[in-house]
Amino acid sequence: MIYTILNLGLAIILLFWMNLDISRKDMGRKYYWGWMLGVVIGYFFLTLLGVIIVVIVYYAWSRFYHTKIKG
């Protein structure tokens, strides 16, 4: 029970962090909703491991791929 609450709390904290990062970079809300959906799906299938995988992929995408798109 406590493990599930901690996992869900960590997922929510990571969603807040992703929202802050997307807002600072002026990416738009569609990117936030897309990544939020990824976190929810990752949590549903793999709980904490799924959330961590999605956050690592988001971090790599936001640092490398998205900066190449914007110029």
Protein backbone atom coordinates (compact mmCIF):
# COMPACT_ATOMS: atom_id res chain seq x y z
CA MET A 1 0.00 0.00 0.00
CA ILE A 2 2.69 2.49 1.00
CA TYR A 3 4.83 1.43 -1.97
CA THR A 4 1.98 2.24 -4.36
CA ILE A 5 1.41 5.64 -2.78
CA LEU A 6 5.12 6.46 -3.02
CA ASN A 7 5.22 5.40 -6.68
CA LEU A 8 2.19 7.52 -7.50
CA GLY A 9 3.64 10.47 -5.59
CA LEU A 10 6.90 10.21 -7.51
CA ALA A 11 4.98 10.06 -10.80
CA ILE A 12 3.09 13.23 -9.88
CA ILE A 13 6.30 15.04 -8.90
CA LEU A 14 7.86 14.05 -12.23
CA LEU A 15 4.79 15.34 -14.08
CA PHE A 16 5.14 18.68 -12.30
CA TRP A 17 8.83 18.78 -13.28
CA MET A 18 8.01 18.01 -16.92
CA ASN A 19 5.33 20.72 -16.91
CA LEU A 20 7.79 23.25 -15.54
CA ASP A 21 10.44 22.28 -18.10
CA ILE A 22 7.99 22.45 -21.02
CA SER A 23 6.67 25.83 -19.83
CA ARG A 24 10.17 27.28 -19.53
CA LYS A 25 11.01 26.21 -23.07
CA ASP A 26 7.71 27.49 -24.54
CA MET A 27 7.04 24.16 -26.23
CA GLY A 28 3.27 24.31 -25.95
CA ARG A 29 0.62 22.35 -24.12
CA LYS A 30 0.35 19.59 -26.73
CA TYR A 31 3.81 18.33 -25.78
CA TYR A 32 2.89 18.28 -22.10
CA TRP A 33 -0.29 16.32 -22.72
CA GLY A 34 1.57 13.87 -24.94
CA TRP A 35 4.28 13.24 -22.37
CA MET A 36 1.72 13.09 -19.57
CA LEU A 37 -0.09 10.37 -21.47
CA GLY A 38 3.25 8.56 -21.82
CA VAL A 39 3.83 8.74 -18.06
CA VAL A 40 0.33 7.43 -17.34
CA ILE A 41 0.77 4.52 -19.77
CA GLY A 42 4.24 3.80 -18.40
CA TYR A 43 2.88 3.80 -14.85
CA PHE A 44 -0.01 1.56 -15.83
CA PHE A 45 2.18 -1.09 -17.45
CA LEU A 46 5.45 -0.96 -15.49
CA THR A 47 4.72 1.26 -12.43
CA LEU A 48 7.90 2.99 -11.28
CA LEU A 49 10.16 1.51 -13.95
CA GLY A 50 7.79 2.70 -16.69
CA VAL A 51 7.72 6.23 -15.29
CA ILE A 52 11.52 6.32 -15.06
CA ILE A 53 11.87 5.09 -18.65
CA VAL A 54 9.45 7.74 -19.93
CA VAL A 55 11.21 10.51 -17.97
CA ILE A 56 14.64 9.46 -19.31
CA VAL A 57 13.30 9.45 -22.86
CA TYR A 58 11.66 12.85 -22.26
CA TYR A 59 14.90 14.29 -20.88
CA ALA A 60 16.88 13.09 -23.90
CA TRP A 61 14.21 14.33 -26.30
CA SER A 62 13.91 17.76 -24.70
CA ARG A 63 17.68 18.30 -24.55
CA PHE A 64 18.70 17.01 -27.96
CA TYR A 65 15.85 16.43 -30.40
CA HIS A 66 13.61 19.38 -29.53
CA THR A 67 16.51 21.87 -29.55
CA LYS A 68 17.38 20.76 -33.10
CA ILE A 69 13.80 21.39 -34.22
CA LYS A 70 13.65 24.89 -32.76
CA GLY A 71 17.00 25.84 -34.24
